[in-house]
Amino acid sequence: MSKGKEWKAKPHLKSYQKLIRKLKQLANRNWSISLDNRIKK
């Protein structure tokens, strides 16, 4: 590590895409579940 440089964690691309897919599924308006329950999941 160089002086003044911080190391920042970056998720793997596949992990990021998996998270986005899951969020899109939970945000689907056709899914008949209350918003509170969606947020909890």
C-alpha atoms as a PDB file:
ATOM      1  CA  MET A   1       0.000   0.000   0.000  1.00  0.00           C
ATOM      2  CA  SER A   2       1.195   3.449  -0.847  1.00  0.00           C
ATOM      3  CA  LYS A   3       0.984   6.297   1.578  1.00  0.00           C
ATOM      4  CA  GLY A   4      -2.315   8.146   1.372  1.00  0.00           C
ATOM      5  CA  LYS A   5      -4.029   5.397  -0.654  1.00  0.00           C
ATOM      6  CA  GLU A   6      -6.986   3.547   0.803  1.00  0.00           C
ATOM      7  CA  TRP A   7      -7.952   0.031  -0.171  1.00  0.00           C
ATOM      8  CA  LYS A   8     -11.606  -0.258  -1.136  1.00  0.00           C
ATOM      9  CA  ALA A   9     -13.452  -3.540  -1.461  1.00  0.00           C
ATOM     10  CA  LYS A  10     -15.244  -4.084  -4.751  1.00  0.00           C
ATOM     11  CA  PRO A  11     -17.756  -6.917  -5.187  1.00  0.00           C
ATOM     12  CA  HIS A  12     -17.310  -9.376  -8.022  1.00  0.00           C
ATOM     13  CA  LEU A  13     -19.370  -8.583 -11.137  1.00  0.00           C
ATOM     14  CA  LYS A  14     -21.473 -11.771 -10.835  1.00  0.00           C
ATOM     15  CA  SER A  15     -22.293 -10.982  -7.189  1.00  0.00           C
ATOM     16  CA  TYR A  16     -23.381  -7.479  -8.177  1.00  0.00           C
ATOM     17  CA  GLN A  17     -25.569  -8.794 -11.022  1.00  0.00           C
ATOM     18  CA  LYS A  18     -27.165 -11.363  -8.692  1.00  0.00           C
ATOM     19  CA  LEU A  19     -28.033  -8.601  -6.212  1.00  0.00           C
ATOM     20  CA  ILE A  20     -29.572  -6.445  -8.961  1.00  0.00           C
ATOM     21  CA  ARG A  21     -31.690  -9.390 -10.211  1.00  0.00           C
ATOM     22  CA  LYS A  22     -32.965 -10.066  -6.707  1.00  0.00           C
ATOM     23  CA  LEU A  23     -33.820  -6.394  -6.124  1.00  0.00           C
ATOM     24  CA  LYS A  24     -35.693  -6.216  -9.440  1.00  0.00           C
ATOM     25  CA  GLN A  25     -37.665  -9.343  -8.513  1.00  0.00           C
ATOM     26  CA  LEU A  26     -38.598  -7.886  -5.111  1.00  0.00           C
ATOM     27  CA  ALA A  27     -39.537  -4.557  -6.689  1.00  0.00           C
ATOM     28  CA  ASN A  28     -41.840  -6.171  -9.274  1.00  0.00           C
ATOM     29  CA  ARG A  29     -45.214  -4.419  -9.035  1.00  0.00           C
ATOM     30  CA  ASN A  30     -47.102  -7.521 -10.218  1.00  0.00           C
ATOM     31  CA  TRP A  31     -46.174  -9.359  -7.023  1.00  0.00           C
ATOM     32  CA  SER A  32     -49.135  -9.064  -4.650  1.00  0.00           C
ATOM     33  CA  ILE A  33     -47.369  -8.516  -1.343  1.00  0.00           C
ATOM     34  CA  SER A  34     -47.338  -5.437   0.849  1.00  0.00           C
ATOM     35  CA  LEU A  35     -44.492  -2.957   0.539  1.00  0.00           C
ATOM     36  CA  ASP A  36     -43.546  -3.476   4.191  1.00  0.00           C
ATOM     37  CA  ASN A  37     -43.079  -7.217   3.627  1.00  0.00           C
ATOM     38  CA  ARG A  38     -41.010  -6.562   0.478  1.00  0.00           C
ATOM     39  CA  ILE A  39     -38.697  -4.254   2.393  1.00  0.00           C
ATOM     40  CA  LYS A  40     -38.259  -6.860   5.154  1.00  0.00           C
ATOM     41  CA  LYS A  41     -37.236  -9.509   2.582  1.00  0.00           C
END
